[in-house]
N, C-alpha and C. Protein backbone atom coordinates (compact mmCIF):
# COMPACT_ATOMS: atom_id res chain seq x y z
N UNK A 1 8.71 -5.82 10.47
CA UNK A 1 7.66 -6.42 10.37
C UNK A 1 7.47 -7.89 9.75
N UNK A 2 6.77 -8.73 10.55
CA UNK A 2 6.74 -9.88 9.98
C UNK A 2 4.97 -10.37 10.24
N UNK A 3 4.82 -10.67 8.91
CA UNK A 3 3.34 -11.38 9.02
C UNK A 3 3.46 -13.01 8.92
N UNK A 4 2.89 -13.87 9.75
CA UNK A 4 2.87 -14.61 9.70
C UNK A 4 1.27 -15.31 9.50
N UNK A 5 0.92 -15.31 8.45
CA UNK A 5 -0.39 -15.47 7.56
C UNK A 5 -0.95 -14.21 7.42
N UNK A 6 -1.93 -13.89 6.50
CA UNK A 6 -2.43 -12.85 6.02
C UNK A 6 -4.24 -13.02 5.44
N UNK A 7 -5.03 -12.26 6.01
CA UNK A 7 -6.02 -12.32 5.54
C UNK A 7 -6.30 -11.77 3.90
N UNK A 8 -7.15 -12.30 3.63
CA UNK A 8 -7.54 -11.59 2.03
C UNK A 8 -8.16 -10.11 2.07
N UNK A 9 -7.43 -9.02 2.67
CA UNK A 9 -8.01 -7.83 2.82
C UNK A 9 -6.82 -6.95 2.87
N UNK A 10 -6.57 -6.31 1.72
CA UNK A 10 -5.56 -5.08 1.48
C UNK A 10 -5.62 -4.08 2.48
N UNK A 11 -6.83 -3.79 2.84
CA UNK A 11 -7.08 -2.63 3.83
C UNK A 11 -6.33 -3.34 4.94
N UNK A 12 -6.85 -4.50 5.79
CA UNK A 12 -5.81 -4.92 7.14
C UNK A 12 -4.63 -4.74 6.90
N UNK A 13 -4.37 -5.08 5.58
CA UNK A 13 -2.49 -5.33 5.86
C UNK A 13 -2.17 -3.75 5.61
N UNK A 14 -2.75 -2.74 4.97
CA UNK A 14 -2.47 -1.65 4.69
C UNK A 14 -2.30 -0.87 6.09
N UNK A 15 -3.34 -1.03 7.24
CA UNK A 15 -3.42 -0.42 8.44
C UNK A 15 -2.33 -0.97 9.01
N UNK A 16 -1.95 -2.04 9.07
CA UNK A 16 -0.86 -2.92 10.22
C UNK A 16 0.31 -1.98 9.67
N UNK A 17 0.41 -1.99 8.45
CA UNK A 17 2.05 -1.23 8.16
C UNK A 17 2.04 0.02 8.50
N UNK A 18 1.00 0.66 8.10
CA UNK A 18 0.63 2.25 8.53
C UNK A 18 0.89 2.44 10.15
N UNK A 19 0.33 1.39 10.62
CA UNK A 19 0.55 1.51 12.06
C UNK A 19 1.96 1.37 12.75
N UNK A 20 2.70 0.65 11.88
CA UNK A 20 3.99 0.35 12.33
C UNK A 20 5.09 1.26 12.04
N UNK A 21 4.80 1.65 10.91
CA UNK A 21 5.41 3.17 10.26
C UNK A 21 5.04 4.46 10.12
N UNK A 22 4.75 4.94 11.55
CA UNK A 22 4.30 6.27 11.98
C UNK A 22 5.07 7.23 10.82
N UNK A 23 4.28 8.44 11.20
CA UNK A 23 4.86 9.76 10.75
C UNK A 23 6.14 10.00 11.52
N UNK A 24 7.23 10.46 10.60
CA UNK A 24 8.35 11.01 11.93
C UNK A 24 9.20 9.65 12.04
N UNK A 25 8.88 8.66 11.36
CA UNK A 25 9.92 7.46 11.52
C UNK A 25 11.11 7.71 10.52
N UNK A 26 12.29 7.50 11.46
CA UNK A 26 13.68 7.81 10.52
C UNK A 26 14.29 6.56 10.00
N UNK A 27 13.64 5.72 10.08
CA UNK A 27 14.43 4.10 9.66
C UNK A 27 13.38 3.74 8.81
N UNK A 28 13.76 3.05 7.35
CA UNK A 28 12.97 1.83 6.64
C UNK A 28 12.22 0.63 7.59
N UNK A 29 11.17 0.45 7.32
CA UNK A 29 10.08 -0.80 7.65
C UNK A 29 10.41 -1.66 6.58
N UNK A 30 10.81 -3.00 7.01
CA UNK A 30 10.50 -4.07 6.37
C UNK A 30 9.95 -4.62 6.59
N UNK A 31 9.01 -5.17 5.42
CA UNK A 31 7.84 -6.34 5.67
C UNK A 31 8.22 -7.19 5.33
N UNK A 32 7.94 -8.34 5.97
CA UNK A 32 8.06 -9.59 5.61
C UNK A 32 6.59 -10.68 5.67
N UNK A 33 6.25 -11.32 4.57
CA UNK A 33 5.32 -12.41 4.65
C UNK A 33 5.33 -13.86 4.59
N UNK A 34 5.30 -14.41 5.91
CA UNK A 34 5.65 -15.53 5.93
C UNK A 34 4.17 -16.42 5.65
N UNK A 35 4.59 -17.27 4.44
CA UNK A 35 2.98 -18.00 4.03
C UNK A 35 3.45 -19.42 3.31
N UNK A 36 2.50 -20.32 3.49
CA UNK A 36 2.38 -21.38 2.68
C UNK A 36 2.00 -21.50 1.52
N UNK A 37 2.02 -22.53 0.74
CA UNK A 37 1.65 -22.68 -0.63
C UNK A 37 -0.19 -22.58 -0.84
N UNK A 38 -0.80 -22.71 -0.03
CA UNK A 38 -2.16 -22.55 0.23
C UNK A 38 -2.62 -21.29 0.52
N UNK A 39 -1.99 -20.37 1.17
CA UNK A 39 -1.96 -18.87 1.12
C UNK A 39 -1.76 -18.34 0.08
N UNK A 40 -0.98 -18.69 -0.87
CA UNK A 40 -0.56 -18.02 -1.88
C UNK A 40 -1.46 -17.16 -2.71
N UNK A 41 -2.70 -17.83 -2.88
CA UNK A 41 -3.67 -16.98 -3.82
C UNK A 41 -4.23 -15.28 -2.95
N UNK A 42 -4.08 -16.02 -1.64
CA UNK A 42 -4.48 -14.70 -0.87
C UNK A 42 -3.45 -13.26 -0.67
N UNK A 43 -2.25 -14.14 -0.76
CA UNK A 43 -0.96 -13.31 -0.45
C UNK A 43 -1.04 -12.25 -2.21
N UNK A 44 -1.46 -13.00 -3.20
CA UNK A 44 -1.44 -12.51 -4.78
C UNK A 44 -2.49 -11.61 -4.85
N UNK A 45 -3.72 -11.57 -4.36
CA UNK A 45 -4.65 -11.01 -4.13
C UNK A 45 -4.38 -9.62 -3.28
N UNK A 46 -3.87 -9.72 -1.96
CA UNK A 46 -3.58 -8.50 -1.37
C UNK A 46 -2.51 -7.55 -2.28
N UNK A 47 -1.09 -8.24 -2.56
CA UNK A 47 -0.49 -7.46 -3.16
C UNK A 47 -0.88 -7.02 -4.22
N UNK A 48 -1.69 -7.40 -5.34
CA UNK A 48 -2.54 -6.88 -6.48
C UNK A 48 -3.22 -5.79 -6.16
N UNK A 49 -4.09 -6.08 -5.46
CA UNK A 49 -4.59 -4.63 -4.79
C UNK A 49 -4.06 -3.64 -4.02
N UNK A 50 -2.56 -3.70 -3.50
CA UNK A 50 -1.76 -2.80 -3.53
C UNK A 50 -1.05 -2.07 -4.27
N UNK A 51 -0.65 -2.93 -5.57
CA UNK A 51 -0.13 -2.23 -7.02
C UNK A 51 -1.54 -1.38 -7.51
N UNK A 52 -2.54 -1.59 -7.41
CA UNK A 52 -3.64 -0.92 -7.95
C UNK A 52 -3.67 0.25 -7.60
N UNK A 53 -3.83 0.29 -6.07
CA UNK A 53 -3.87 1.07 -5.10
C UNK A 53 -2.90 2.30 -5.68
N UNK A 54 -1.69 1.90 -5.63
CA UNK A 54 -0.41 2.69 -5.58
C UNK A 54 -0.55 3.27 -7.37
N UNK A 55 -1.04 2.70 -8.58
CA UNK A 55 -1.14 3.05 -9.39
C UNK A 55 -2.15 4.20 -9.55
N UNK A 56 -3.74 4.10 -8.93
CA UNK A 56 -4.68 4.97 -8.79
C UNK A 56 -3.98 6.21 -8.00
N UNK A 57 -3.30 5.96 -6.96
CA UNK A 57 -2.63 7.06 -6.41
C UNK A 57 -1.68 7.94 -7.20
N UNK A 58 -1.24 7.56 -7.91
CA UNK A 58 0.20 7.60 -8.93
C UNK A 58 -0.80 8.81 -10.08
N UNK A 59 -1.73 8.40 -10.38
CA UNK A 59 -2.78 8.74 -11.27
C UNK A 59 -3.07 10.07 -10.75
N UNK A 60 -3.63 9.89 -9.69
CA UNK A 60 -4.28 10.87 -8.93
C UNK A 60 -3.47 12.19 -8.85
N UNK A 61 -2.52 12.00 -8.17
CA UNK A 61 -1.36 12.85 -8.19
C UNK A 61 -1.18 13.72 -9.22
N UNK A 62 -0.72 12.87 -10.38
CA UNK A 62 -0.52 13.74 -11.64
C UNK A 62 -1.83 14.36 -11.99
N UNK A 63 -3.12 14.16 -11.82
CA UNK A 63 -4.14 14.66 -12.32
C UNK A 63 -4.15 16.39 -11.55
N UNK A 64 -3.49 16.12 -10.06
CA UNK A 64 -3.62 17.41 -8.96
C UNK A 64 -2.66 18.07 -9.57
N UNK A 65 -1.74 17.67 -10.01
CA UNK A 65 0.01 18.68 -10.34
C UNK A 65 -0.57 19.27 -11.95
N UNK A 66 -1.31 18.00 -12.75
CA UNK A 66 -1.72 19.31 -13.86
C UNK A 66 -2.44 20.18 -13.99
N UNK A 67 -3.92 19.98 -13.08
CA UNK A 67 -4.68 21.12 -12.87
C UNK A 67 -4.27 22.40 -12.09
N UNK A 68 -3.01 21.93 -11.28
CA UNK A 68 -2.39 23.05 -10.65
C UNK A 68 -1.81 24.02 -11.69
N UNK A 69 -1.12 23.02 -12.43
CA UNK A 69 -0.26 24.04 -13.36
C UNK A 69 -1.10 24.53 -14.36
N UNK A 70 -2.36 24.43 -14.76
CA UNK A 70 -3.19 24.92 -15.49
C UNK A 70 -3.99 26.02 -14.71
N UNK A 71 -3.97 26.48 -13.84
CA UNK A 71 -4.00 27.46 -13.20
C UNK A 71 -5.76 27.27 -12.54
N UNK A 72 -6.03 25.98 -12.12
CA UNK A 72 -7.67 25.37 -11.78
C UNK A 72 -7.64 25.21 -10.06
N UNK A 73 -6.43 25.59 -9.37
CA UNK A 73 -6.17 25.59 -7.67
C UNK A 73 -6.62 26.92 -7.11
N UNK A 74 -7.39 27.94 -7.71
CA UNK A 74 -8.19 28.93 -7.39
C UNK A 74 -9.65 28.82 -7.08
């Protein structure tokens, strides 16, 4: 998948990637973003949001595991 330009919206980027990488896909999806120096701040913003979402997701998964292990899933 190649993006030629990007909006300052992580959600739009995420949705586009998810649509291309459907459940059941057997091959990895490579994502490339072509951009100019002027667009670099927008790219940085989107990638920083992606990093925060990944971190938050990992923390949430850890909390679920801890609550399950503590017996709070009943």
